[in-house]
Protein backbone atom coordinates (compact mmCIF):
# COMPACT_ATOMS: atom_id res chain seq x y z
CA MET A 1 2.81 10.42 41.44
CA PHE A 2 -0.39 12.22 42.37
CA PHE A 3 1.03 12.96 45.83
CA VAL A 4 4.20 14.41 44.27
CA ILE A 5 2.14 16.61 41.96
CA LEU A 6 0.15 17.87 44.94
CA LEU A 7 3.37 18.79 46.74
CA ASN A 8 4.77 20.60 43.69
CA ASN A 9 1.48 22.40 43.06
CA SER A 10 1.40 23.44 46.70
CA GLY A 11 4.77 25.21 46.41
CA PHE A 12 3.76 26.90 43.17
CA LEU A 13 0.38 28.02 44.48
CA GLU A 14 1.77 29.15 47.83
CA ARG A 15 4.21 31.46 46.06
CA LEU A 16 1.50 32.66 43.66
CA LYS A 17 -0.83 33.43 46.57
CA LYS A 18 1.90 35.27 48.48
CA THR A 19 3.28 37.41 45.62
CA LYS A 20 0.25 37.69 43.28
CA LEU A 21 2.69 38.11 40.39
CA LEU A 22 3.56 35.81 37.49
CA LEU A 23 5.92 37.12 34.82
CA PRO A 24 4.88 36.61 31.19
CA PRO A 25 6.21 34.57 28.31
CA LEU A 26 6.79 37.17 25.56
CA SER A 27 7.84 36.00 22.13
CA GLY A 28 10.95 37.83 20.99
CA PHE A 29 11.50 39.45 24.37
CA THR A 30 11.79 36.99 27.26
CA ASP A 31 14.72 35.24 25.64
CA TYR A 32 17.72 34.01 27.61
CA ALA A 33 19.39 37.43 27.59
CA TYR A 34 16.43 39.27 29.10
CA ARG A 35 15.64 36.50 31.58
CA GLN A 36 19.17 37.03 32.89
CA ILE A 37 18.24 40.69 33.48
CA LEU A 38 14.88 39.86 35.05
CA ALA A 39 16.48 37.36 37.44
CA GLU A 40 18.45 40.22 39.02
CA PHE A 41 15.18 41.90 40.06
CA SER A 42 13.99 39.04 42.30
CA PRO A 43 10.74 38.07 40.57
CA PRO A 44 8.80 35.13 42.03
CA PHE A 45 8.48 33.45 38.60
CA ILE A 46 10.25 33.72 35.23
CA CYS A 47 9.00 32.08 32.03
CA THR A 48 10.59 31.56 28.63
CA GLU A 49 9.10 32.80 25.41
CA MET A 50 6.95 30.25 23.58
CA ILE A 51 8.86 27.23 22.24
CA SER A 52 7.85 24.51 19.77
CA PRO A 53 7.82 21.03 21.32
CA HIS A 54 9.56 19.64 18.24
CA ALA A 55 12.52 21.99 18.71
CA ILE A 56 12.94 20.49 22.17
CA ILE A 57 12.32 16.89 21.16
CA HIS A 58 14.82 17.11 18.29
CA ARG A 59 17.34 18.75 20.60
CA ASN A 60 17.75 21.91 18.54
CA PRO A 61 21.11 23.26 19.83
CA LYS A 62 20.02 26.90 19.88
CA VAL A 63 16.80 26.05 21.72
CA LEU A 64 18.57 23.82 24.24
CA ARG A 65 21.05 26.60 24.91
CA SER A 66 18.18 29.03 25.46
CA LEU A 67 16.75 26.56 27.98
CA GLU A 68 19.76 26.66 30.25
CA LYS A 69 18.29 27.55 33.64
CA ILE A 70 19.10 30.93 35.10
CA ASP A 71 20.15 30.92 38.75
CA GLY A 72 17.98 32.62 41.32
CA PRO A 73 15.29 31.96 43.94
CA HIS A 74 12.54 32.35 41.33
CA LEU A 75 10.55 29.42 39.94
CA SER A 76 11.35 28.82 36.27
CA GLY A 77 8.81 27.91 33.61
CA VAL A 78 8.74 27.10 29.91
CA GLN A 79 5.84 27.90 27.61
CA LEU A 80 5.05 25.32 24.93
CA ILE A 81 3.20 26.17 21.71
CA GLY A 82 1.73 23.37 19.62
CA ASN A 83 -1.34 21.24 18.93
CA GLU A 84 -0.03 17.64 19.13
CA PRO A 85 -0.79 16.07 22.52
CA LYS A 86 1.98 13.43 22.42
CA ALA A 87 4.67 15.86 21.24
CA MET A 88 3.66 18.43 23.83
CA ALA A 89 3.84 15.82 26.58
CA GLU A 90 7.21 14.52 25.41
CA ALA A 91 8.62 18.04 25.35
CA ALA A 92 7.23 18.67 28.84
CA GLU A 93 9.07 15.60 30.13
CA ILE A 94 12.33 16.96 28.72
CA ILE A 95 11.63 20.35 30.28
CA GLU A 96 11.13 18.68 33.64
CA SER A 97 14.39 16.74 33.24
CA LEU A 98 16.18 20.08 32.74
CA GLY A 99 15.11 21.12 36.23
CA TYR A 100 12.30 23.51 35.38
CA ASP A 101 9.57 24.11 37.94
CA TYR A 102 6.48 24.38 35.74
CA VAL A 103 5.32 24.25 32.13
CA ASP A 104 2.77 26.54 30.49
CA ILE A 105 0.54 25.74 27.50
CA ASN A 106 -0.05 28.56 25.03
CA MET A 107 -3.74 28.75 24.15
CA GLY A 108 -3.85 32.47 23.41
CA CYS A 109 -1.38 33.44 20.67
CA THR A 110 -3.16 35.16 17.77
CA VAL A 111 -0.30 35.18 15.23
CA LYS A 112 -1.67 33.71 11.97
CA THR A 113 1.24 31.35 11.34
CA VAL A 114 0.53 29.88 14.78
CA THR A 115 -3.25 29.74 14.56
CA ASN A 116 -3.17 28.32 11.01
CA SER A 117 -1.23 25.37 12.39
CA GLY A 118 -3.96 24.74 14.98
CA ALA A 119 -1.94 26.07 17.92
CA GLY A 120 -2.26 29.14 20.15
CA ILE A 121 -5.77 30.52 20.37
CA ALA A 122 -6.91 27.99 17.75
CA LEU A 123 -6.95 25.52 20.64
CA MET A 124 -9.82 27.50 22.15
CA LYS A 125 -11.84 26.59 19.04
CA SER A 126 -11.17 22.92 19.70
CA GLU A 127 -11.70 22.26 23.39
CA GLU A 128 -11.30 18.52 22.78
CA ILE A 129 -7.75 18.89 21.46
CA ALA A 130 -6.90 21.51 24.10
CA SER A 131 -8.10 19.14 26.82
CA GLU A 132 -6.21 16.21 25.32
CA ILE A 133 -2.98 18.23 25.29
CA ALA A 134 -3.48 19.28 28.90
CA LYS A 135 -4.31 15.73 29.96
CA ASN A 136 -1.26 14.27 28.22
CA ILE A 137 1.09 16.79 29.82
CA VAL A 138 -0.42 16.53 33.31
CA ASN A 139 -0.13 12.74 33.17
CA SER A 140 3.49 12.90 31.95
CA VAL A 141 5.14 15.22 34.47
CA ASN A 142 5.33 15.73 38.21
CA MET A 143 5.44 19.52 38.06
CA PRO A 144 2.65 22.11 37.86
CA VAL A 145 1.09 22.62 34.45
CA THR A 146 -0.47 26.00 33.67
CA CYS A 147 -2.27 27.49 30.66
CA LYS A 148 -2.54 30.92 29.09
CA MET A 149 -5.65 31.78 27.10
CA ARG A 150 -8.04 34.61 26.28
CA LEU A 151 -11.71 35.27 27.06
CA GLY A 152 -12.55 33.43 23.86
CA TYR A 153 -11.58 32.83 20.25
CA ASN A 154 -13.74 35.83 19.33
CA LYS A 155 -16.56 37.87 20.83
CA ALA A 156 -19.12 35.36 19.59
CA ASN A 157 -17.35 32.50 21.35
CA LEU A 158 -16.52 33.44 24.94
CA ASN A 159 -15.59 29.96 26.12
CA ALA A 160 -12.90 30.64 28.71
CA VAL A 161 -15.24 29.32 31.42
CA THR A 162 -16.19 26.05 29.70
CA LEU A 163 -12.61 25.32 28.64
CA GLY A 164 -11.25 26.48 31.98
CA LYS A 165 -13.50 24.10 33.91
CA LYS A 166 -12.36 21.18 31.74
CA LEU A 167 -8.73 22.09 32.32
CA ALA A 168 -9.31 22.37 36.05
CA ASP A 169 -10.87 18.89 36.11
CA ILE A 170 -7.84 17.52 34.24
CA GLY A 171 -5.45 18.87 36.87
CA ILE A 172 -4.17 22.16 35.47
CA THR A 173 -2.73 24.16 38.38
CA SER A 174 -3.67 27.69 37.29
CA ILE A 175 -4.82 29.56 34.20
CA THR A 176 -3.81 32.99 32.95
CA VAL A 177 -6.67 34.72 31.14
CA HIS A 178 -6.06 37.73 28.91
CA GLY A 179 -8.96 40.16 29.10
CA ARG A 180 -9.47 40.34 25.33
CA THR A 181 -10.75 37.96 22.69
CA GLY A 182 -8.73 36.87 19.70
CA GLU A 183 -9.88 39.18 16.90
CA LYS A 184 -6.97 41.53 17.47
CA LYS A 185 -3.77 41.06 19.39
CA LEU A 186 -3.98 44.60 20.75
CA GLY A 187 -6.32 47.56 20.51
CA LEU A 188 -9.49 46.10 21.99
CA PRO A 189 -10.40 47.25 25.50
CA ILE A 190 -9.89 44.91 28.43
CA ASP A 191 -13.23 43.45 29.55
CA TYR A 192 -12.89 43.49 33.34
CA VAL A 193 -16.48 42.35 33.86
CA LYS A 194 -16.02 39.22 31.74
CA LEU A 195 -12.68 38.56 33.40
CA ARG A 196 -14.31 38.63 36.81
CA GLU A 197 -17.06 36.26 35.62
CA VAL A 198 -14.42 33.81 34.41
CA ILE A 199 -12.52 34.05 37.71
CA GLU A 200 -15.67 33.46 39.74
CA LYS A 201 -16.68 30.36 37.77
CA ILE A 202 -13.40 28.42 37.44
CA PRO A 203 -12.38 26.52 40.60
CA ILE A 204 -8.60 27.03 40.31
CA PRO A 205 -6.48 30.20 40.65
CA ILE A 206 -6.85 32.56 37.70
CA ILE A 207 -4.16 35.09 36.77
CA ALA A 208 -5.49 38.21 35.06
CA ASN A 209 -3.55 39.64 32.11
CA GLY A 210 -3.86 42.75 29.96
CA ASN A 211 -2.97 46.48 30.11
CA ILE A 212 -0.74 46.26 33.18
CA PHE A 213 2.03 48.83 32.84
CA ASN A 214 2.63 49.85 36.46
CA GLY A 215 1.94 48.80 40.00
CA PHE A 216 -1.34 50.65 40.22
CA ASP A 217 -2.60 48.94 37.05
CA ALA A 218 -1.80 45.65 38.77
CA LYS A 219 -3.70 46.59 41.93
CA ASN A 220 -6.66 47.88 39.92
CA MET A 221 -6.76 44.59 38.03
CA ILE A 222 -6.90 42.61 41.28
CA ASP A 223 -9.56 44.93 42.70
CA ALA A 224 -11.68 44.83 39.53
CA THR A 225 -11.52 41.09 38.91
CA ASN A 226 -10.66 39.44 42.23
CA ALA A 227 -7.95 37.48 40.39
CA ALA A 228 -5.54 35.32 42.37
CA ALA A 229 -2.63 37.15 40.71
CA ILE A 230 -1.74 39.30 37.73
CA MET A 231 0.56 38.91 34.76
CA PRO A 232 1.99 42.03 33.10
CA GLY A 233 2.65 41.84 29.38
CA ARG A 234 4.31 44.43 27.17
CA GLY A 235 4.82 46.61 30.25
CA ILE A 236 7.75 44.45 31.34
CA ILE A 237 9.70 45.13 28.10
CA GLY A 238 12.58 47.44 28.92
CA ASN A 239 11.23 47.81 32.43
CA PRO A 240 12.46 45.07 34.79
CA TRP A 241 11.83 47.57 37.62
CA LEU A 242 8.13 46.79 37.13
CA VAL A 243 8.66 43.65 39.22
CA ALA A 244 9.59 45.63 42.32
CA GLU A 245 6.96 48.28 41.61
CA ILE A 246 4.12 45.75 41.49
CA LEU A 247 5.34 43.93 44.60
CA SER A 248 5.70 47.28 46.41
CA VAL A 249 2.15 48.33 45.58
CA PHE A 250 0.80 44.96 46.70
CA SER A 251 2.72 45.18 50.00
CA ASN A 252 2.04 48.91 50.45
CA THR A 253 5.74 49.75 50.65
CA PRO A 254 7.63 52.63 48.97
CA ILE A 255 8.27 52.30 45.24
CA HIS A 256 11.82 52.67 43.95
CA GLN A 257 11.99 54.54 40.66
CA PRO A 258 15.21 53.93 38.71
CA CYS A 259 17.45 56.88 37.95
CA LEU A 260 18.78 57.57 34.46
CA LEU A 261 22.13 55.96 35.26
CA GLU A 262 20.41 52.73 36.31
CA LYS A 263 18.41 52.64 33.10
CA LYS A 264 21.56 53.18 31.04
CA GLN A 265 23.50 50.49 32.90
CA VAL A 266 20.74 47.88 32.66
CA SER A 267 20.00 48.59 29.00
CA LEU A 268 23.70 48.26 28.21
CA GLN A 269 23.94 45.02 30.18
CA HIS A 270 20.92 43.75 28.27
CA THR A 271 22.77 44.50 25.03
CA LEU A 272 25.90 42.69 26.25
CA ASN A 273 23.78 39.68 27.24
CA LEU A 274 22.30 39.61 23.74
CA ILE A 275 25.77 39.81 22.18
CA ASN A 276 26.98 36.95 24.35
CA PHE A 277 24.01 34.77 23.46
CA TYR A 278 23.62 35.63 19.77
CA ASN A 279 26.23 37.90 18.16
CA GLU A 280 26.76 41.63 17.87
CA LYS A 281 24.75 42.08 14.66
CA THR A 282 21.71 40.19 15.95
CA ALA A 283 21.93 41.90 19.32
CA ILE A 284 21.91 45.38 17.80
CA ILE A 285 18.97 44.53 15.55
CA LYS A 286 17.02 43.33 18.60
CA MET A 287 17.95 46.41 20.63
CA ARG A 288 16.65 48.71 17.90
CA LYS A 289 13.20 47.67 19.11
CA ILE A 290 13.98 47.18 22.78
CA LEU A 291 16.16 50.17 23.74
CA PRO A 292 13.42 52.81 23.26
CA GLU A 293 11.31 50.85 25.76
CA TYR A 294 13.92 51.55 28.45
CA PHE A 295 13.53 55.27 27.81
CA LYS A 296 9.90 55.42 26.66
CA TYR A 297 9.14 58.57 28.66
CA CYS A 298 12.09 60.62 27.43
CA GLN A 299 11.64 63.77 25.39
CA ASN A 300 12.38 63.36 21.67
CA LEU A 301 11.49 59.66 21.84
CA ILE A 302 10.51 59.70 18.16
CA SER A 303 14.02 60.89 17.27
CA LEU A 304 15.53 58.17 19.44
CA LYS A 305 13.45 55.51 17.69
CA LYS A 306 14.51 56.91 14.32
CA ASP A 307 18.21 57.28 15.10
CA ILE A 308 18.58 53.82 16.59
CA GLN A 309 17.65 52.32 13.23
CA ASN A 310 21.05 53.53 11.96
CA VAL A 311 23.02 51.95 14.82
CA ASN A 312 25.08 48.96 13.68
CA ASN A 313 27.43 48.05 16.54
CA LEU A 314 27.95 48.29 20.29
CA ILE A 315 30.05 51.46 20.18
CA GLU A 316 27.40 53.28 18.16
CA LEU A 317 24.75 52.08 20.58
CA GLN A 318 26.77 53.35 23.55
CA ASN A 319 27.17 56.71 21.83
CA LEU A 320 23.40 56.87 21.31
CA ILE A 321 22.75 56.06 24.98
CA ASP A 322 25.18 58.83 25.97
CA LYS A 323 22.88 61.31 24.20
CA ILE A 324 20.12 60.58 26.70
CA GLU A 325 20.56 63.14 29.47
CA LYS A 326 18.78 64.67 32.42
CA ASN A 327 16.62 67.65 31.53
CA GLY A 328 15.44 69.07 34.83
CA SER A 329 13.19 66.44 36.41
CA LYS A 330 12.84 64.62 33.07
CA ILE A 331 15.16 62.95 30.57
CA LYS A 332 15.79 64.01 27.01
CA PHE A 333 17.37 62.46 23.94
CA LYS A 334 19.74 65.05 22.48
CA ASN A 335 20.14 64.20 18.83
CA ILE A 336 22.19 66.34 16.48
CA ASN A 337 19.13 68.37 15.49
CA THR A 338 18.16 69.22 19.09
């Protein structure tokens, strides 16, 4: 079993070393519909949003459907969120049986409903439980096991190094470290110095995460921290082209910037994928938040965000997209008041 794990880890780490890019698990965003979109952009890795082990163990139909693997040359991962070692390990075994390539343990989520249950970043407060979860999963599967955490539970407890070393000793393949602590989900500055200290002291590959919105952010993160790879976060929402941009910057090749027509086509396909997976009503509600991300640099973005709240079906959404037009070298949302 140990030999098999070494072989699997080798393939994972070889790809990580070559591409320096791991796509993120984003709750509410990297669902099945968006992973279908991302797969078309040839990323090296794609991961699900966080999933409860019990939803997998009890064979929740909606969750199992969301876990249908998406074809492509990428490696596929599932992120688990929980604080029960046996349940997490059992869910990991099921994930492996579904043909996934790796499993990630969420040790960084700051949402109160998650942390109050002892999961997410709460695991950083209890290194014993975090280690037990990691140990149970590593001993139960033959695929790489990764973790995602922060610098610490809060500024007074910067324990990414101590926990990271324990996880490395257990057999965790790599760790993604977000360059903030857990007081606030967003808003705090990224601490590149602390990130670099963590990377230098943990003996397995560390992926740096936080404030990566373009290829140059990714390169700056590598340069500043000497991380093995980077993981974008919110920057990937409505921007699957970020995959190619980051890889282009790393390989020093020309960057392809999508034209307006491409953005319209992909955003519409994203909507259709959501309709196919959920239903039209749910899809439109989700796109009210997502669509503006596809056109975040357009003029009158505030009006776009406001008007999309009144969209209730696919035809209305298409009509709204049609109002986004070229305006010289830029794009502009032409609402009725423009």
